[in-house]
């Protein structure tokens, strides 16, 4: 999925007011964490994730998340990443993307 620069800018604007919905600790990507990421992306489409690991593991962990969840990293500031994946059936009352 390729997003235009205008879409990324819009998502960054929306993401500014969001709070992280998933926190990934030192244990990394366990099965329950992946399930929660999948659920959050399906429900909200645009989510913030806090990754509480060392800087050396951060980039690899983020690449693993985007590959496994089939999502796109819109922005990363420090240990917080903004992720987007379009829902198959958007839930108007839960989605962070205005329609």
PDB file of N, CA and C in Angstrom:
ATOM      1  N   UNK A   1       0.845  -1.164   0.000  1.00  0.00           N
ATOM      2  CA  UNK A   1       0.000   0.000   0.000  1.00  0.00           C
ATOM      3  C   UNK A   1       0.894   1.232   0.000  1.00  0.00           C
ATOM      4  N   UNK A   2       0.729   2.071  -0.972  1.00  0.00           N
ATOM      5  CA  UNK A   2       1.505   3.302  -1.079  1.00  0.00           C
ATOM      6  C   UNK A   2       0.593   4.485  -0.776  1.00  0.00           C
ATOM      7  N   UNK A   3       1.018   5.304   0.143  1.00  0.00           N
ATOM      8  CA  UNK A   3       0.278   6.501   0.502  1.00  0.00           C
ATOM      9  C   UNK A   3       0.978   7.711  -0.076  1.00  0.00           C
ATOM     10  N   UNK A   4       0.188   8.680  -0.512  1.00  0.00           N
ATOM     11  CA  UNK A   4       0.771   9.912  -1.031  1.00  0.00           C
ATOM     12  C   UNK A   4       1.278  10.757   0.136  1.00  0.00           C
ATOM     13  N   UNK A   5       2.094  11.734  -0.164  1.00  0.00           N
ATOM     14  CA  UNK A   5       2.612  12.624   0.866  1.00  0.00           C
ATOM     15  C   UNK A   5       1.479  13.404   1.538  1.00  0.00           C
ATOM     16  N   UNK A   6       0.448  13.753   0.760  1.00  0.00           N
ATOM     17  CA  UNK A   6      -0.696  14.479   1.327  1.00  0.00           C
ATOM     18  C   UNK A   6      -1.450  13.604   2.331  1.00  0.00           C
ATOM     19  N   UNK A   7      -1.615  12.316   2.016  1.00  0.00           N
ATOM     20  CA  UNK A   7      -2.282  11.403   2.936  1.00  0.00           C
ATOM     21  C   UNK A   7      -1.460  11.233   4.211  1.00  0.00           C
ATOM     22  N   UNK A   8      -0.150  11.088   4.063  1.00  0.00           N
ATOM     23  CA  UNK A   8       0.715  10.941   5.230  1.00  0.00           C
ATOM     24  C   UNK A   8       0.636  12.179   6.118  1.00  0.00           C
ATOM     25  N   UNK A   9       0.607  13.341   5.501  1.00  0.00           N
ATOM     26  CA  UNK A   9       0.508  14.583   6.258  1.00  0.00           C
ATOM     27  C   UNK A   9      -0.813  14.637   7.023  1.00  0.00           C
ATOM     28  N   UNK A  10      -1.899  14.236   6.362  1.00  0.00           N
ATOM     29  CA  UNK A  10      -3.212  14.217   7.006  1.00  0.00           C
ATOM     30  C   UNK A  10      -3.204  13.244   8.193  1.00  0.00           C
ATOM     31  N   UNK A  11      -2.603  12.057   8.010  1.00  0.00           N
ATOM     32  CA  UNK A  11      -2.555  11.064   9.071  1.00  0.00           C
ATOM     33  C   UNK A  11      -1.684  11.529  10.239  1.00  0.00           C
ATOM     34  N   UNK A  12      -0.592  12.227   9.949  1.00  0.00           N
ATOM     35  CA  UNK A  12       0.243  12.769  11.023  1.00  0.00           C
ATOM     36  C   UNK A  12      -0.533  13.806  11.829  1.00  0.00           C
ATOM     37  N   UNK A  13      -1.338  14.605  11.151  1.00  0.00           N
ATOM     38  CA  UNK A  13      -2.162  15.606  11.824  1.00  0.00           C
ATOM     39  C   UNK A  13      -3.169  14.929  12.748  1.00  0.00           C
ATOM     40  N   UNK A  14      -3.828  13.898  12.256  1.00  0.00           N
ATOM     41  CA  UNK A  14      -4.793  13.149  13.070  1.00  0.00           C
ATOM     42  C   UNK A  14      -4.073  12.453  14.220  1.00  0.00           C
ATOM     43  N   UNK A  15      -2.929  11.848  13.929  1.00  0.00           N
ATOM     44  CA  UNK A  15      -2.180  11.087  14.922  1.00  0.00           C
ATOM     45  C   UNK A  15      -1.621  11.927  16.047  1.00  0.00           C
ATOM     46  N   UNK A  16      -1.466  13.219  15.829  1.00  0.00           N
ATOM     47  CA  UNK A  16      -0.904  14.097  16.858  1.00  0.00           C
ATOM     48  C   UNK A  16      -1.716  14.027  18.150  1.00  0.00           C
ATOM     49  N   UNK A  17      -3.030  13.929  18.038  1.00  0.00           N
ATOM     50  CA  UNK A  17      -3.893  13.910  19.219  1.00  0.00           C
ATOM     51  C   UNK A  17      -4.150  12.531  19.787  1.00  0.00           C
ATOM     52  N   UNK A  18      -3.625  11.487  19.174  1.00  0.00           N
ATOM     53  CA  UNK A  18      -3.874  10.125  19.640  1.00  0.00           C
ATOM     54  C   UNK A  18      -2.910   9.742  20.760  1.00  0.00           C
ATOM     55  N   UNK A  19      -3.360   8.823  21.591  1.00  0.00           N
ATOM     56  CA  UNK A  19      -2.507   8.246  22.627  1.00  0.00           C
ATOM     57  C   UNK A  19      -2.140   6.829  22.199  1.00  0.00           C
ATOM     58  N   UNK A  20      -0.981   6.320  22.605  1.00  0.00           N
ATOM     59  CA  UNK A  20      -0.597   4.953  22.245  1.00  0.00           C
ATOM     60  C   UNK A  20      -1.618   3.933  22.764  1.00  0.00           C
ATOM     61  N   UNK A  21      -2.047   3.023  21.895  1.00  0.00           N
ATOM     62  CA  UNK A  21      -3.025   2.003  22.286  1.00  0.00           C
ATOM     63  C   UNK A  21      -2.358   0.669  22.597  1.00  0.00           C
ATOM     64  N   UNK A  22      -1.130   0.488  22.142  1.00  0.00           N
ATOM     65  CA  UNK A  22      -0.381  -0.743  22.409  1.00  0.00           C
ATOM     66  C   UNK A  22       1.028  -0.347  22.845  1.00  0.00           C
ATOM     67  N   UNK A  23       1.501  -0.994  23.904  1.00  0.00           N
ATOM     68  CA  UNK A  23       2.872  -0.796  24.360  1.00  0.00           C
ATOM     69  C   UNK A  23       3.615  -2.113  24.240  1.00  0.00           C
ATOM     70  N   UNK A  24       4.747  -2.072  23.576  1.00  0.00           N
ATOM     71  CA  UNK A  24       5.566  -3.258  23.399  1.00  0.00           C
ATOM     72  C   UNK A  24       6.769  -3.119  24.322  1.00  0.00           C
ATOM     73  N   UNK A  25       6.894  -4.057  25.258  1.00  0.00           N
ATOM     74  CA  UNK A  25       7.961  -3.998  26.258  1.00  0.00           C
ATOM     75  C   UNK A  25       9.194  -4.761  25.781  1.00  0.00           C
ATOM     76  N   UNK A  26      10.119  -4.980  26.683  1.00  0.00           N
ATOM     77  CA  UNK A  26      11.375  -5.655  26.377  1.00  0.00           C
ATOM     78  C   UNK A  26      11.187  -7.062  25.814  1.00  0.00           C
ATOM     79  N   UNK A  27      10.070  -7.710  26.146  1.00  0.00           N
ATOM     80  CA  UNK A  27       9.819  -9.074  25.659  1.00  0.00           C
ATOM     81  C   UNK A  27       9.606  -9.121  24.153  1.00  0.00           C
ATOM     82  N   UNK A  28       9.263  -8.005  23.554  1.00  0.00           N
ATOM     83  CA  UNK A  28       9.094  -7.952  22.105  1.00  0.00           C
ATOM     84  C   UNK A  28       7.711  -8.358  21.653  1.00  0.00           C
ATOM     85  N   UNK A  29       7.648  -8.958  20.474  1.00  0.00           N
ATOM     86  CA  UNK A  29       6.378  -9.289  19.851  1.00  0.00           C
ATOM     87  C   UNK A  29       5.913 -10.695  20.234  1.00  0.00           C
ATOM     88  N   UNK A  30       5.174 -10.771  21.298  1.00  0.00           N
ATOM     89  CA  UNK A  30       4.589 -12.052  21.674  1.00  0.00           C
ATOM     90  C   UNK A  30       3.273 -12.206  20.907  1.00  0.00           C
ATOM     91  N   UNK A  31       2.720 -13.392  20.967  1.00  0.00           N
ATOM     92  CA  UNK A  31       1.474 -13.657  20.242  1.00  0.00           C
ATOM     93  C   UNK A  31       0.322 -12.762  20.712  1.00  0.00           C
ATOM     94  N   UNK A  32       0.127 -12.564  22.030  1.00  0.00           N
ATOM     95  CA  UNK A  32      -0.944 -11.664  22.473  1.00  0.00           C
ATOM     96  C   UNK A  32      -0.749 -10.214  22.008  1.00  0.00           C
ATOM     97  N   UNK A  33       0.494  -9.766  21.968  1.00  0.00           N
ATOM     98  CA  UNK A  33       0.771  -8.402  21.509  1.00  0.00           C
ATOM     99  C   UNK A  33       0.420  -8.270  20.028  1.00  0.00           C
ATOM    100  N   UNK A  34       0.806  -9.269  19.231  1.00  0.00           N
ATOM    101  CA  UNK A  34       0.473  -9.243  17.800  1.00  0.00           C
ATOM    102  C   UNK A  34      -1.037  -9.268  17.594  1.00  0.00           C
ATOM    103  N   UNK A  35      -1.748 -10.061  18.383  1.00  0.00           N
ATOM    104  CA  UNK A  35      -3.210 -10.122  18.275  1.00  0.00           C
ATOM    105  C   UNK A  35      -3.827  -8.763  18.599  1.00  0.00           C
ATOM    106  N   UNK A  36      -3.303  -8.100  19.616  1.00  0.00           N
ATOM    107  CA  UNK A  36      -3.819  -6.780  19.988  1.00  0.00           C
ATOM    108  C   UNK A  36      -3.510  -5.742  18.910  1.00  0.00           C
ATOM    109  N   UNK A  37      -2.319  -5.814  18.313  1.00  0.00           N
ATOM    110  CA  UNK A  37      -1.977  -4.912  17.207  1.00  0.00           C
ATOM    111  C   UNK A  37      -2.929  -5.117  16.029  1.00  0.00           C
ATOM    112  N   UNK A  38      -3.174  -6.373  15.676  1.00  0.00           N
ATOM    113  CA  UNK A  38      -4.084  -6.678  14.558  1.00  0.00           C
ATOM    114  C   UNK A  38      -5.486  -6.141  14.849  1.00  0.00           C
ATOM    115  N   UNK A  39      -5.979  -6.368  16.077  1.00  0.00           N
ATOM    116  CA  UNK A  39      -7.316  -5.901  16.443  1.00  0.00           C
ATOM    117  C   UNK A  39      -7.400  -4.380  16.402  1.00  0.00           C
ATOM    118  N   UNK A  40      -6.387  -3.717  16.964  1.00  0.00           N
ATOM    119  CA  UNK A  40      -6.391  -2.251  17.003  1.00  0.00           C
ATOM    120  C   UNK A  40      -6.334  -1.665  15.596  1.00  0.00           C
ATOM    121  N   UNK A  41      -5.521  -2.241  14.723  1.00  0.00           N
ATOM    122  CA  UNK A  41      -5.440  -1.744  13.349  1.00  0.00           C
ATOM    123  C   UNK A  41      -6.750  -1.971  12.602  1.00  0.00           C
ATOM    124  N   UNK A  42      -7.396  -3.105  12.841  1.00  0.00           N
ATOM    125  CA  UNK A  42      -8.664  -3.384  12.169  1.00  0.00           C
ATOM    126  C   UNK A  42      -9.764  -2.438  12.649  1.00  0.00           C
ATOM    127  N   UNK A  43      -9.775  -2.151  13.961  1.00  0.00           N
ATOM    128  CA  UNK A  43     -10.803  -1.273  14.516  1.00  0.00           C
ATOM    129  C   UNK A  43     -10.548   0.193  14.211  1.00  0.00           C
ATOM    130  N   UNK A  44      -9.314   0.660  14.466  1.00  0.00           N
ATOM    131  CA  UNK A  44      -9.027   2.094  14.415  1.00  0.00           C
ATOM    132  C   UNK A  44      -8.309   2.554  13.150  1.00  0.00           C
ATOM    133  N   UNK A  45      -7.695   1.669  12.417  1.00  0.00           N
ATOM    134  CA  UNK A  45      -6.952   1.941  11.185  1.00  0.00           C
ATOM    135  C   UNK A  45      -5.667   2.740  11.410  1.00  0.00           C
ATOM    136  N   UNK A  46      -5.714   3.779  12.220  1.00  0.00           N
ATOM    137  CA  UNK A  46      -4.550   4.625  12.503  1.00  0.00           C
ATOM    138  C   UNK A  46      -4.306   4.568  14.006  1.00  0.00           C
ATOM    139  N   UNK A  47      -3.146   4.036  14.405  1.00  0.00           N
ATOM    140  CA  UNK A  47      -2.870   3.872  15.833  1.00  0.00           C
ATOM    141  C   UNK A  47      -1.449   4.321  16.160  1.00  0.00           C
ATOM    142  N   UNK A  48      -1.264   4.649  17.439  1.00  0.00           N
ATOM    143  CA  UNK A  48       0.069   4.923  17.957  1.00  0.00           C
ATOM    144  C   UNK A  48       0.504   3.722  18.771  1.00  0.00           C
ATOM    145  N   UNK A  49       1.785   3.387  18.654  1.00  0.00           N
ATOM    146  CA  UNK A  49       2.370   2.267  19.378  1.00  0.00           C
ATOM    147  C   UNK A  49       3.619   2.758  20.088  1.00  0.00           C
ATOM    148  N   UNK A  50       3.748   2.430  21.372  1.00  0.00           N
ATOM    149  CA  UNK A  50       4.952   2.762  22.126  1.00  0.00           C
ATOM    150  C   UNK A  50       5.813   1.506  22.198  1.00  0.00           C
ATOM    151  N   UNK A  51       7.068   1.640  21.803  1.00  0.00           N
ATOM    152  CA  UNK A  51       7.997   0.516  21.806  1.00  0.00           C
ATOM    153  C   UNK A  51       9.064   0.799  22.854  1.00  0.00           C
ATOM    154  N   UNK A  52       8.973   0.099  23.971  1.00  0.00           N
ATOM    155  CA  UNK A  52       9.874   0.327  25.105  1.00  0.00           C
ATOM    156  C   UNK A  52      11.032  -0.662  25.089  1.00  0.00           C
ATOM    157  N   UNK A  53      11.859  -0.562  24.082  1.00  0.00           N
ATOM    158  CA  UNK A  53      13.056  -1.402  23.999  1.00  0.00           C
ATOM    159  C   UNK A  53      14.250  -0.491  23.774  1.00  0.00           C
ATOM    160  N   UNK A  54      15.411  -1.087  23.736  1.00  0.00           N
ATOM    161  CA  UNK A  54      16.615  -0.313  23.460  1.00  0.00           C
ATOM    162  C   UNK A  54      16.611   0.199  22.028  1.00  0.00           C
ATOM    163  N   UNK A  55      17.346   1.246  21.790  1.00  0.00           N
ATOM    164  CA  UNK A  55      17.395   1.845  20.453  1.00  0.00           C
ATOM    165  C   UNK A  55      17.906   0.882  19.385  1.00  0.00           C
ATOM    166  N   UNK A  56      18.777  -0.044  19.787  1.00  0.00           N
ATOM    167  CA  UNK A  56      19.327  -0.986  18.819  1.00  0.00           C
ATOM    168  C   UNK A  56      18.265  -1.953  18.295  1.00  0.00           C
ATOM    169  N   UNK A  57      17.267  -2.294  19.115  1.00  0.00           N
ATOM    170  CA  UNK A  57      16.210  -3.223  18.705  1.00  0.00           C
ATOM    171  C   UNK A  57      15.014  -2.510  18.079  1.00  0.00           C
ATOM    172  N   UNK A  58      14.918  -1.219  18.286  1.00  0.00           N
ATOM    173  CA  UNK A  58      13.735  -0.462  17.888  1.00  0.00           C
ATOM    174  C   UNK A  58      13.435  -0.551  16.394  1.00  0.00           C
ATOM    175  N   UNK A  59      14.422  -0.293  15.570  1.00  0.00           N
ATOM    176  CA  UNK A  59      14.214  -0.279  14.124  1.00  0.00           C
ATOM    177  C   UNK A  59      13.831  -1.666  13.604  1.00  0.00           C
ATOM    178  N   UNK A  60      14.509  -2.698  14.070  1.00  0.00           N
ATOM    179  CA  UNK A  60      14.202  -4.063  13.636  1.00  0.00           C
ATOM    180  C   UNK A  60      12.807  -4.483  14.081  1.00  0.00           C
ATOM    181  N   UNK A  61      12.427  -4.098  15.286  1.00  0.00           N
ATOM    182  CA  UNK A  61      11.111  -4.437  15.804  1.00  0.00           C
ATOM    183  C   UNK A  61      10.020  -3.735  15.006  1.00  0.00           C
ATOM    184  N   UNK A  62      10.244  -2.482  14.662  1.00  0.00           N
ATOM    185  CA  UNK A  62       9.268  -1.731  13.874  1.00  0.00           C
ATOM    186  C   UNK A  62       9.123  -2.319  12.473  1.00  0.00           C
ATOM    187  N   UNK A  63      10.219  -2.736  11.856  1.00  0.00           N
ATOM    188  CA  UNK A  63      10.151  -3.377  10.546  1.00  0.00           C
ATOM    189  C   UNK A  63       9.394  -4.693  10.628  1.00  0.00           C
ATOM    190  N   UNK A  64       9.604  -5.435  11.690  1.00  0.00           N
ATOM    191  CA  UNK A  64       8.892  -6.691  11.895  1.00  0.00           C
ATOM    192  C   UNK A  64       7.389  -6.454  12.048  1.00  0.00           C
ATOM    193  N   UNK A  65       7.016  -5.423  12.782  1.00  0.00           N
ATOM    194  CA  UNK A  65       5.601  -5.091  12.970  1.00  0.00           C
ATOM    195  C   UNK A  65       4.952  -4.737  11.641  1.00  0.00           C
ATOM    196  N   UNK A  66       5.596  -3.863  10.868  1.00  0.00           N
ATOM    197  CA  UNK A  66       4.998  -3.442   9.602  1.00  0.00           C
ATOM    198  C   UNK A  66       4.882  -4.599   8.618  1.00  0.00           C
ATOM    199  N   UNK A  67       5.824  -5.525   8.643  1.00  0.00           N
ATOM    200  CA  UNK A  67       5.764  -6.679   7.756  1.00  0.00           C
ATOM    201  C   UNK A  67       4.685  -7.666   8.196  1.00  0.00           C
ATOM    202  N   UNK A  68       4.683  -8.020   9.471  1.00  0.00           N
ATOM    203  CA  UNK A  68       3.738  -9.018   9.985  1.00  0.00           C
ATOM    204  C   UNK A  68       2.295  -8.529   9.978  1.00  0.00           C
ATOM    205  N   UNK A  69       2.089  -7.256  10.287  1.00  0.00           N
ATOM    206  CA  UNK A  69       0.729  -6.698  10.346  1.00  0.00           C
ATOM    207  C   UNK A  69       0.269  -6.123   9.015  1.00  0.00           C
ATOM    208  N   UNK A  70       1.160  -6.097   8.036  1.00  0.00           N
ATOM    209  CA  UNK A  70       0.852  -5.532   6.719  1.00  0.00           C
ATOM    210  C   UNK A  70       0.322  -4.104   6.856  1.00  0.00           C
ATOM    211  N   UNK A  71       1.074  -3.304   7.611  1.00  0.00           N
ATOM    212  CA  UNK A  71       0.699  -1.911   7.816  1.00  0.00           C
ATOM    213  C   UNK A  71       1.865  -1.026   7.395  1.00  0.00           C
ATOM    214  N   UNK A  72       1.639   0.266   7.429  1.00  0.00           N
ATOM    215  CA  UNK A  72       2.672   1.214   7.043  1.00  0.00           C
ATOM    216  C   UNK A  72       2.981   2.142   8.210  1.00  0.00           C
ATOM    217  N   UNK A  73       4.258   2.373   8.445  1.00  0.00           N
ATOM    218  CA  UNK A  73       4.683   3.309   9.477  1.00  0.00           C
ATOM    219  C   UNK A  73       4.629   4.710   8.878  1.00  0.00           C
ATOM    220  N   UNK A  74       3.746   5.532   9.387  1.00  0.00           N
ATOM    221  CA  UNK A  74       3.582   6.900   8.886  1.00  0.00           C
ATOM    222  C   UNK A  74       4.672   7.798   9.455  1.00  0.00           C
ATOM    223  N   UNK A  75       4.950   7.605  10.752  1.00  0.00           N
ATOM    224  CA  UNK A  75       5.925   8.465  11.420  1.00  0.00           C
ATOM    225  C   UNK A  75       6.459   7.756  12.661  1.00  0.00           C
ATOM    226  N   UNK A  76       7.717   8.035  12.995  1.00  0.00           N
ATOM    227  CA  UNK A  76       8.289   7.544  14.244  1.00  0.00           C
ATOM    228  C   UNK A  76       9.013   8.698  14.903  1.00  0.00           C
ATOM    229  N   UNK A  77       8.625   8.967  16.130  1.00  0.00           N
ATOM    230  CA  UNK A  77       9.284  10.000  16.924  1.00  0.00           C
ATOM    231  C   UNK A  77       9.723   9.338  18.215  1.00  0.00           C
ATOM    232  N   UNK A  78      11.015   9.198  18.383  1.00  0.00           N
ATOM    233  CA  UNK A  78      11.534   8.525  19.565  1.00  0.00           C
ATOM    234  C   UNK A  78      11.089   7.082  19.594  1.00  0.00           C
ATOM    235  N   UNK A  79      10.400   6.696  20.664  1.00  0.00           N
ATOM    236  CA  UNK A  79       9.932   5.321  20.814  1.00  0.00           C
ATOM    237  C   UNK A  79       8.452   5.164  20.499  1.00  0.00           C
ATOM    238  N   UNK A  80       7.838   6.155  19.867  1.00  0.00           N
ATOM    239  CA  UNK A  80       6.423   6.098  19.507  1.00  0.00           C
ATOM    240  C   UNK A  80       6.292   6.113  17.989  1.00  0.00           C
ATOM    241  N   UNK A  81       5.533   5.139  17.476  1.00  0.00           N
ATOM    242  CA  UNK A  81       5.329   5.032  16.032  1.00  0.00           C
ATOM    243  C   UNK A  81       3.848   5.179  15.706  1.00  0.00           C
ATOM    244  N   UNK A  82       3.566   5.800  14.582  1.00  0.00           N
ATOM    245  CA  UNK A  82       2.209   5.960  14.078  1.00  0.00           C
ATOM    246  C   UNK A  82       2.040   4.991  12.922  1.00  0.00           C
ATOM    247  N   UNK A  83       1.108   4.037  13.068  1.00  0.00           N
ATOM    248  CA  UNK A  83       0.905   2.991  12.076  1.00  0.00           C
ATOM    249  C   UNK A  83      -0.465   3.113  11.430  1.00  0.00           C
ATOM    250  N   UNK A  84      -0.539   2.754  10.139  1.00  0.00           N
ATOM    251  CA  UNK A  84      -1.805   2.798   9.408  1.00  0.00           C
ATOM    252  C   UNK A  84      -1.983   1.530   8.600  1.00  0.00           C
ATOM    253  N   UNK A  85      -3.209   1.011   8.640  1.00  0.00           N
ATOM    254  CA  UNK A  85      -3.631  -0.058   7.750  1.00  0.00           C
ATOM    255  C   UNK A  85      -5.107   0.140   7.489  1.00  0.00           C
ATOM    256  N   UNK A  86      -5.476   0.217   6.220  1.00  0.00           N
ATOM    257  CA  UNK A  86      -6.877   0.401   5.867  1.00  0.00           C
ATOM    258  C   UNK A  86      -7.668  -0.844   6.261  1.00  0.00           C
ATOM    259  N   UNK A  87      -8.816  -0.643   6.878  1.00  0.00           N
ATOM    260  CA  UNK A  87      -9.661  -1.755   7.302  1.00  0.00           C
ATOM    261  C   UNK A  87     -10.436  -2.306   6.106  1.00  0.00           C
ATOM    262  N   UNK A  88     -10.687  -3.610   6.148  1.00  0.00           N
ATOM    263  CA  UNK A  88     -11.486  -4.225   5.081  1.00  0.00           C
ATOM    264  C   UNK A  88     -12.903  -3.680   5.113  1.00  0.00           C
ATOM    265  N   UNK A  89     -13.447  -3.590   6.319  1.00  0.00           N
ATOM    266  CA  UNK A  89     -14.768  -2.997   6.525  1.00  0.00           C
ATOM    267  C   UNK A  89     -14.629  -1.942   7.617  1.00  0.00           C
ATOM    268  N   UNK A  90     -14.459  -0.662   7.234  1.00  0.00           N
ATOM    269  CA  UNK A  90     -14.238   0.392   8.235  1.00  0.00           C
ATOM    270  C   UNK A  90     -15.400   0.506   9.219  1.00  0.00           C
ATOM    271  N   UNK A  91     -15.060   0.645  10.488  1.00  0.00           N
ATOM    272  CA  UNK A  91     -16.056   0.828  11.547  1.00  0.00           C
ATOM    273  C   UNK A  91     -16.121   2.319  11.844  1.00  0.00           C
ATOM    274  N   UNK A  92     -17.167   2.950  11.365  1.00  0.00           N
ATOM    275  CA  UNK A  92     -17.280   4.399  11.421  1.00  0.00           C
ATOM    276  C   UNK A  92     -17.158   4.940  12.846  1.00  0.00           C
ATOM    277  N   UNK A  93     -17.732   4.215  13.820  1.00  0.00           N
ATOM    278  CA  UNK A  93     -17.709   4.717  15.194  1.00  0.00           C
ATOM    279  C   UNK A  93     -16.367   4.470  15.899  1.00  0.00           C
ATOM    280  N   UNK A  94     -15.508   3.587  15.385  1.00  0.00           N
ATOM    281  CA  UNK A  94     -14.222   3.301  16.022  1.00  0.00           C
ATOM    282  C   UNK A  94     -13.024   3.874  15.263  1.00  0.00           C
ATOM    283  N   UNK A  95     -13.166   4.075  13.972  1.00  0.00           N
ATOM    284  CA  UNK A  95     -12.041   4.488  13.138  1.00  0.00           C
ATOM    285  C   UNK A  95     -11.563   5.901  13.472  1.00  0.00           C
ATOM    286  N   UNK A  96     -10.250   6.079  13.425  1.00  0.00           N
ATOM    287  CA  UNK A  96      -9.660   7.410  13.641  1.00  0.00           C
ATOM    288  C   UNK A  96      -9.605   8.217  12.346  1.00  0.00           C
ATOM    289  N   UNK A  97      -9.949   7.593  11.234  1.00  0.00           N
ATOM    290  CA  UNK A  97      -9.924   8.251   9.925  1.00  0.00           C
ATOM    291  C   UNK A  97     -11.323   8.793   9.621  1.00  0.00           C
ATOM    292  N   UNK A  98     -11.461  10.095   9.434  1.00  0.00           N
ATOM    293  CA  UNK A  98     -12.784  10.642   9.117  1.00  0.00           C
ATOM    294  C   UNK A  98     -13.234  10.230   7.717  1.00  0.00           C
ATOM    295  N   UNK A  99     -14.475   9.899   7.595  1.00  0.00           N
ATOM    296  CA  UNK A  99     -15.042   9.492   6.302  1.00  0.00           C
ATOM    297  C   UNK A  99     -16.226  10.364   5.965  1.00  0.00           C
TER     298      UNK A  99
END
